[in-house]
């Protein structure tokens, strides 16, 4: 009896794991589609040129940040508008997509970049 229950539990866990993986894949695909608007400012290569990178952000941090913009705790007008136009499922999809991307390796410092940073 215990063996049957164990087999049933393992089978259920396998089904649920596969369903969760399918859901994540769908969210990543949906997030990639939605991210086309984001990546016009937030570079997909992760380089920060005055607009921070969101590549590889933890899911919860991304969702919380979007909520801050939606609720007015952060006030960048562009981001307030973008966050206000997204529903919870869209934010979740974007968080899943950007979180699935590997963070870029830090770029080696160049003399010209060092001079600019010191100004």
N, C-alpha and C. Protein backbone atom coordinates (compact mmCIF):
# COMPACT_ATOMS: atom_id res chain seq x y z
N UNK A 1 0.81 -1.19 0.00
CA UNK A 1 0.00 0.00 0.00
C UNK A 1 0.87 1.26 0.00
N UNK A 2 1.92 1.28 0.84
CA UNK A 2 2.81 2.43 0.90
C UNK A 2 3.56 2.62 -0.41
N UNK A 3 3.90 1.52 -1.08
CA UNK A 3 4.61 1.61 -2.35
C UNK A 3 3.70 2.22 -3.42
N UNK A 4 2.42 1.84 -3.43
CA UNK A 4 1.47 2.40 -4.39
C UNK A 4 1.32 3.89 -4.15
N UNK A 5 1.21 4.30 -2.89
CA UNK A 5 1.10 5.72 -2.58
C UNK A 5 2.34 6.48 -3.01
N UNK A 6 3.50 5.90 -2.80
CA UNK A 6 4.75 6.53 -3.20
C UNK A 6 4.81 6.69 -4.72
N UNK A 7 4.42 5.65 -5.45
CA UNK A 7 4.42 5.70 -6.91
C UNK A 7 3.44 6.76 -7.39
N UNK A 8 2.26 6.81 -6.77
CA UNK A 8 1.27 7.83 -7.15
C UNK A 8 1.80 9.23 -6.87
N UNK A 9 2.44 9.41 -5.74
CA UNK A 9 3.00 10.72 -5.39
C UNK A 9 4.09 11.13 -6.38
N UNK A 10 4.95 10.19 -6.75
CA UNK A 10 6.00 10.48 -7.72
C UNK A 10 5.42 10.80 -9.09
N UNK A 11 4.40 10.06 -9.48
CA UNK A 11 3.76 10.33 -10.78
C UNK A 11 3.11 11.71 -10.76
N UNK A 12 2.44 12.04 -9.68
CA UNK A 12 1.80 13.36 -9.56
C UNK A 12 2.85 14.47 -9.60
N UNK A 13 3.95 14.27 -8.91
CA UNK A 13 5.03 15.27 -8.90
C UNK A 13 5.61 15.44 -10.31
N UNK A 14 5.75 14.35 -11.05
CA UNK A 14 6.28 14.44 -12.41
C UNK A 14 5.31 15.21 -13.31
N UNK A 15 4.03 14.94 -13.18
CA UNK A 15 3.02 15.65 -13.99
C UNK A 15 3.02 17.13 -13.63
N UNK A 16 3.05 17.44 -12.36
CA UNK A 16 3.03 18.83 -11.92
C UNK A 16 4.31 19.55 -12.33
N UNK A 17 5.43 18.87 -12.25
CA UNK A 17 6.70 19.46 -12.67
C UNK A 17 6.70 19.77 -14.16
N UNK A 18 6.16 18.85 -14.95
CA UNK A 18 6.08 19.07 -16.39
C UNK A 18 5.11 20.21 -16.69
N UNK A 19 4.01 20.28 -15.97
CA UNK A 19 3.04 21.37 -16.17
C UNK A 19 3.66 22.71 -15.80
N UNK A 20 4.42 22.74 -14.71
CA UNK A 20 5.08 23.98 -14.29
C UNK A 20 6.12 24.40 -15.33
N UNK A 21 6.86 23.44 -15.86
CA UNK A 21 7.86 23.76 -16.89
C UNK A 21 7.18 24.29 -18.14
N UNK A 22 6.04 23.69 -18.52
CA UNK A 22 5.28 24.18 -19.67
C UNK A 22 4.78 25.60 -19.43
N UNK A 23 4.30 25.85 -18.21
CA UNK A 23 3.82 27.20 -17.87
C UNK A 23 4.95 28.21 -17.94
N UNK A 24 6.13 27.84 -17.41
CA UNK A 24 7.29 28.74 -17.46
C UNK A 24 7.69 29.02 -18.90
N UNK A 25 7.67 27.99 -19.74
CA UNK A 25 8.04 28.18 -21.15
C UNK A 25 7.06 29.13 -21.83
N UNK A 26 5.78 28.99 -21.52
CA UNK A 26 4.77 29.89 -22.09
C UNK A 26 4.98 31.32 -21.59
N UNK A 27 5.29 31.45 -20.29
CA UNK A 27 5.55 32.79 -19.75
C UNK A 27 6.77 33.43 -20.37
N UNK A 28 7.82 32.65 -20.58
CA UNK A 28 9.03 33.18 -21.21
C UNK A 28 8.71 33.65 -22.62
N UNK A 29 7.96 32.85 -23.37
CA UNK A 29 7.59 33.23 -24.73
C UNK A 29 6.74 34.49 -24.74
N UNK A 30 5.76 34.55 -23.87
CA UNK A 30 4.90 35.74 -23.77
C UNK A 30 5.73 36.95 -23.32
N UNK A 31 6.60 36.74 -22.36
CA UNK A 31 7.47 37.81 -21.88
C UNK A 31 8.40 38.33 -22.97
N UNK A 32 8.93 37.41 -23.78
CA UNK A 32 9.81 37.82 -24.89
C UNK A 32 9.04 38.72 -25.85
N UNK A 33 7.80 38.36 -26.11
CA UNK A 33 6.95 39.18 -26.99
C UNK A 33 6.72 40.57 -26.37
N UNK A 34 6.35 40.61 -25.12
CA UNK A 34 6.09 41.89 -24.44
C UNK A 34 7.36 42.73 -24.32
N UNK A 35 8.50 42.08 -24.19
CA UNK A 35 9.76 42.78 -23.95
C UNK A 35 10.23 43.62 -25.13
N UNK A 36 9.62 43.45 -26.27
CA UNK A 36 10.02 44.25 -27.43
C UNK A 36 9.91 45.74 -27.12
N UNK A 37 8.91 46.11 -26.33
CA UNK A 37 8.78 47.52 -25.94
C UNK A 37 9.87 47.90 -24.93
N UNK A 38 10.16 47.02 -24.00
CA UNK A 38 11.15 47.30 -22.95
C UNK A 38 12.55 47.49 -23.53
N UNK A 39 12.87 46.64 -24.51
CA UNK A 39 14.25 46.63 -25.01
C UNK A 39 14.56 47.79 -25.96
N UNK A 40 13.58 48.63 -26.21
CA UNK A 40 13.91 49.84 -26.96
C UNK A 40 14.69 50.82 -26.07
N UNK A 41 14.57 50.67 -24.75
CA UNK A 41 15.34 51.49 -23.80
C UNK A 41 16.31 50.63 -22.98
N UNK A 42 15.83 49.54 -22.42
CA UNK A 42 16.65 48.64 -21.60
C UNK A 42 17.32 47.65 -22.55
N UNK A 43 18.60 47.86 -22.77
CA UNK A 43 19.32 47.08 -23.78
C UNK A 43 19.33 45.59 -23.44
N UNK A 44 19.09 44.78 -24.46
CA UNK A 44 19.06 43.33 -24.30
C UNK A 44 20.44 42.76 -24.02
N UNK A 45 21.51 43.51 -24.38
CA UNK A 45 22.86 43.04 -24.09
C UNK A 45 23.28 43.36 -22.66
N UNK A 46 22.40 44.05 -21.91
CA UNK A 46 22.67 44.31 -20.50
C UNK A 46 23.54 45.51 -20.22
N UNK A 47 23.94 46.23 -21.25
CA UNK A 47 24.80 47.40 -21.05
C UNK A 47 23.96 48.56 -20.53
N UNK A 48 24.45 49.21 -19.49
CA UNK A 48 23.77 50.35 -18.89
C UNK A 48 24.34 51.62 -19.50
N UNK A 49 23.53 52.31 -20.30
CA UNK A 49 23.96 53.58 -20.89
C UNK A 49 23.07 54.70 -20.35
N UNK A 50 22.83 54.64 -19.06
CA UNK A 50 21.98 55.63 -18.41
C UNK A 50 20.62 55.07 -18.06
N UNK A 51 20.26 53.98 -18.68
CA UNK A 51 19.02 53.26 -18.35
C UNK A 51 19.47 51.89 -17.85
N UNK A 52 19.09 51.53 -16.63
CA UNK A 52 19.64 50.31 -16.05
C UNK A 52 19.25 49.04 -16.79
N UNK A 53 20.13 48.08 -16.72
CA UNK A 53 19.87 46.77 -17.29
C UNK A 53 18.83 46.05 -16.43
N UNK A 54 17.96 45.30 -17.08
CA UNK A 54 17.01 44.45 -16.34
C UNK A 54 17.21 42.98 -16.70
N UNK A 55 18.30 42.71 -17.39
CA UNK A 55 18.65 41.35 -17.79
C UNK A 55 19.08 40.56 -16.55
N UNK A 56 18.47 39.39 -16.37
CA UNK A 56 18.86 38.51 -15.27
C UNK A 56 18.35 38.93 -13.90
N UNK A 57 17.44 39.90 -13.87
CA UNK A 57 16.89 40.32 -12.57
C UNK A 57 16.12 39.18 -11.93
N UNK A 58 16.19 39.07 -10.62
CA UNK A 58 15.35 38.08 -9.93
C UNK A 58 13.87 38.41 -10.13
N UNK A 59 13.08 37.40 -10.30
CA UNK A 59 11.64 37.53 -10.56
C UNK A 59 10.96 38.47 -9.57
N UNK A 60 11.17 38.21 -8.29
CA UNK A 60 10.49 39.00 -7.26
C UNK A 60 10.90 40.47 -7.28
N UNK A 61 12.16 40.74 -7.56
CA UNK A 61 12.64 42.12 -7.63
C UNK A 61 12.00 42.85 -8.81
N UNK A 62 11.87 42.17 -9.94
CA UNK A 62 11.25 42.78 -11.11
C UNK A 62 9.79 43.11 -10.82
N UNK A 63 9.05 42.14 -10.27
CA UNK A 63 7.63 42.36 -9.96
C UNK A 63 7.47 43.50 -8.95
N UNK A 64 8.30 43.51 -7.92
CA UNK A 64 8.21 44.56 -6.89
C UNK A 64 8.50 45.93 -7.50
N UNK A 65 9.50 46.01 -8.36
CA UNK A 65 9.86 47.29 -8.98
C UNK A 65 8.72 47.80 -9.85
N UNK A 66 8.12 46.92 -10.62
CA UNK A 66 6.98 47.34 -11.45
C UNK A 66 5.81 47.79 -10.58
N UNK A 67 5.63 47.15 -9.45
CA UNK A 67 4.56 47.56 -8.53
C UNK A 67 4.85 48.95 -7.95
N UNK A 68 6.12 49.22 -7.65
CA UNK A 68 6.48 50.56 -7.16
C UNK A 68 6.10 51.63 -8.17
N UNK A 69 6.36 51.37 -9.45
CA UNK A 69 5.99 52.34 -10.49
C UNK A 69 4.46 52.44 -10.60
N UNK A 70 3.80 51.31 -10.57
CA UNK A 70 2.34 51.29 -10.70
C UNK A 70 1.67 52.04 -9.55
N UNK A 71 2.23 51.88 -8.34
CA UNK A 71 1.64 52.49 -7.14
C UNK A 71 2.11 53.92 -6.90
N UNK A 72 3.08 54.39 -7.71
CA UNK A 72 3.57 55.75 -7.55
C UNK A 72 4.72 55.91 -6.59
N UNK A 73 5.24 54.82 -6.03
CA UNK A 73 6.39 54.92 -5.12
C UNK A 73 7.65 55.32 -5.89
N UNK A 74 7.71 54.97 -7.16
CA UNK A 74 8.75 55.44 -8.07
C UNK A 74 8.05 56.30 -9.11
N UNK A 75 8.72 57.36 -9.56
CA UNK A 75 7.99 58.37 -10.32
C UNK A 75 8.50 58.64 -11.73
N UNK A 76 9.37 57.81 -12.28
CA UNK A 76 9.80 58.04 -13.66
C UNK A 76 8.57 57.99 -14.57
N UNK A 77 8.26 59.10 -15.28
CA UNK A 77 7.01 59.16 -16.04
C UNK A 77 6.86 58.06 -17.10
N UNK A 78 7.95 57.70 -17.76
CA UNK A 78 7.87 56.65 -18.77
C UNK A 78 7.53 55.32 -18.12
N UNK A 79 8.25 55.00 -17.04
CA UNK A 79 8.01 53.72 -16.38
C UNK A 79 6.66 53.67 -15.67
N UNK A 80 6.20 54.79 -15.15
CA UNK A 80 4.86 54.83 -14.55
C UNK A 80 3.82 54.50 -15.61
N UNK A 81 3.99 55.06 -16.80
CA UNK A 81 3.06 54.79 -17.90
C UNK A 81 3.12 53.33 -18.33
N UNK A 82 4.34 52.81 -18.49
CA UNK A 82 4.49 51.42 -18.91
C UNK A 82 3.91 50.48 -17.87
N UNK A 83 4.28 50.66 -16.61
CA UNK A 83 3.79 49.77 -15.55
C UNK A 83 2.28 49.85 -15.43
N UNK A 84 1.74 51.04 -15.59
CA UNK A 84 0.29 51.20 -15.49
C UNK A 84 -0.47 50.52 -16.62
N UNK A 85 0.21 50.26 -17.73
CA UNK A 85 -0.46 49.62 -18.87
C UNK A 85 -0.40 48.09 -18.81
N UNK A 86 0.33 47.55 -17.84
CA UNK A 86 0.52 46.10 -17.75
C UNK A 86 -0.35 45.50 -16.65
N UNK A 87 -0.94 44.35 -16.94
CA UNK A 87 -1.66 43.63 -15.88
C UNK A 87 -0.69 42.68 -15.16
N UNK A 88 -1.16 42.04 -14.10
CA UNK A 88 -0.29 41.18 -13.28
C UNK A 88 0.33 40.04 -14.08
N UNK A 89 -0.45 39.44 -14.98
CA UNK A 89 0.06 38.33 -15.80
C UNK A 89 1.17 38.81 -16.74
N UNK A 90 1.03 39.99 -17.29
CA UNK A 90 2.05 40.54 -18.17
C UNK A 90 3.34 40.85 -17.40
N UNK A 91 3.19 41.40 -16.21
CA UNK A 91 4.37 41.67 -15.38
C UNK A 91 5.06 40.37 -15.02
N UNK A 92 4.27 39.35 -14.68
CA UNK A 92 4.84 38.04 -14.35
C UNK A 92 5.59 37.46 -15.56
N UNK A 93 5.01 37.60 -16.75
CA UNK A 93 5.66 37.09 -17.96
C UNK A 93 6.97 37.83 -18.23
N UNK A 94 6.96 39.14 -18.08
CA UNK A 94 8.19 39.92 -18.28
C UNK A 94 9.25 39.54 -17.25
N UNK A 95 8.83 39.38 -16.00
CA UNK A 95 9.76 38.99 -14.93
C UNK A 95 10.37 37.62 -15.22
N UNK A 96 9.55 36.70 -15.70
CA UNK A 96 10.03 35.35 -16.01
C UNK A 96 11.00 35.40 -17.19
N UNK A 97 10.67 36.18 -18.21
CA UNK A 97 11.55 36.29 -19.37
C UNK A 97 12.89 36.93 -19.00
N UNK A 98 12.84 38.13 -18.42
CA UNK A 98 14.10 38.81 -18.10
C UNK A 98 14.92 38.02 -17.07
N UNK A 99 14.24 37.35 -16.14
CA UNK A 99 14.95 36.52 -15.17
C UNK A 99 15.60 35.30 -15.78
N UNK A 100 15.09 34.86 -16.93
CA UNK A 100 15.65 33.67 -17.59
C UNK A 100 16.91 33.99 -18.38
N UNK A 101 17.16 35.26 -18.63
CA UNK A 101 18.33 35.64 -19.41
C UNK A 101 19.56 35.72 -18.52
N UNK A 102 20.69 35.21 -18.99
CA UNK A 102 21.89 35.28 -18.17
C UNK A 102 22.39 36.72 -18.07
N UNK A 103 22.82 37.08 -16.88
CA UNK A 103 23.40 38.41 -16.70
C UNK A 103 24.67 38.49 -17.55
N UNK A 104 24.87 39.63 -18.19
CA UNK A 104 26.09 39.76 -18.99
C UNK A 104 27.32 39.82 -18.08
N UNK A 105 28.43 39.38 -18.62
CA UNK A 105 29.69 39.49 -17.88
C UNK A 105 30.07 40.95 -17.78
N UNK A 106 30.66 41.34 -16.67
CA UNK A 106 31.11 42.73 -16.57
C UNK A 106 32.14 43.01 -17.66
N UNK A 107 32.01 44.17 -18.25
CA UNK A 107 32.95 44.56 -19.31
C UNK A 107 34.22 45.08 -18.66
N UNK A 108 35.36 44.77 -19.27
CA UNK A 108 36.61 45.32 -18.73
C UNK A 108 36.60 46.84 -18.85
N UNK A 109 37.19 47.45 -17.89
CA UNK A 109 37.25 48.91 -17.87
C UNK A 109 38.23 49.40 -18.93
N UNK A 110 37.86 50.51 -19.57
CA UNK A 110 38.75 51.12 -20.56
C UNK A 110 39.19 52.46 -20.03
N UNK A 111 40.33 52.96 -20.46
CA UNK A 111 40.82 54.27 -19.98
C UNK A 111 39.80 55.38 -20.22
N UNK A 112 39.13 55.40 -21.38
CA UNK A 112 38.18 56.47 -21.66
C UNK A 112 36.96 56.36 -20.74
N UNK A 113 36.53 55.14 -20.43
CA UNK A 113 35.41 54.96 -19.52
C UNK A 113 35.80 55.39 -18.11
N UNK A 114 37.05 55.11 -17.70
CA UNK A 114 37.52 55.53 -16.39
C UNK A 114 37.52 57.05 -16.27
N UNK A 115 37.96 57.74 -17.33
CA UNK A 115 37.98 59.20 -17.30
C UNK A 115 36.58 59.78 -17.18
N UNK A 116 35.64 59.19 -17.92
CA UNK A 116 34.25 59.66 -17.86
C UNK A 116 33.66 59.42 -16.48
N UNK A 117 33.98 58.29 -15.87
CA UNK A 117 33.44 57.96 -14.55
C UNK A 117 33.96 58.90 -13.48
N UNK A 118 35.19 59.41 -13.63
CA UNK A 118 35.79 60.30 -12.63
C UNK A 118 35.27 61.71 -12.72
N UNK A 119 34.66 62.09 -13.84
CA UNK A 119 34.17 63.46 -14.00
C UNK A 119 32.95 63.71 -13.18
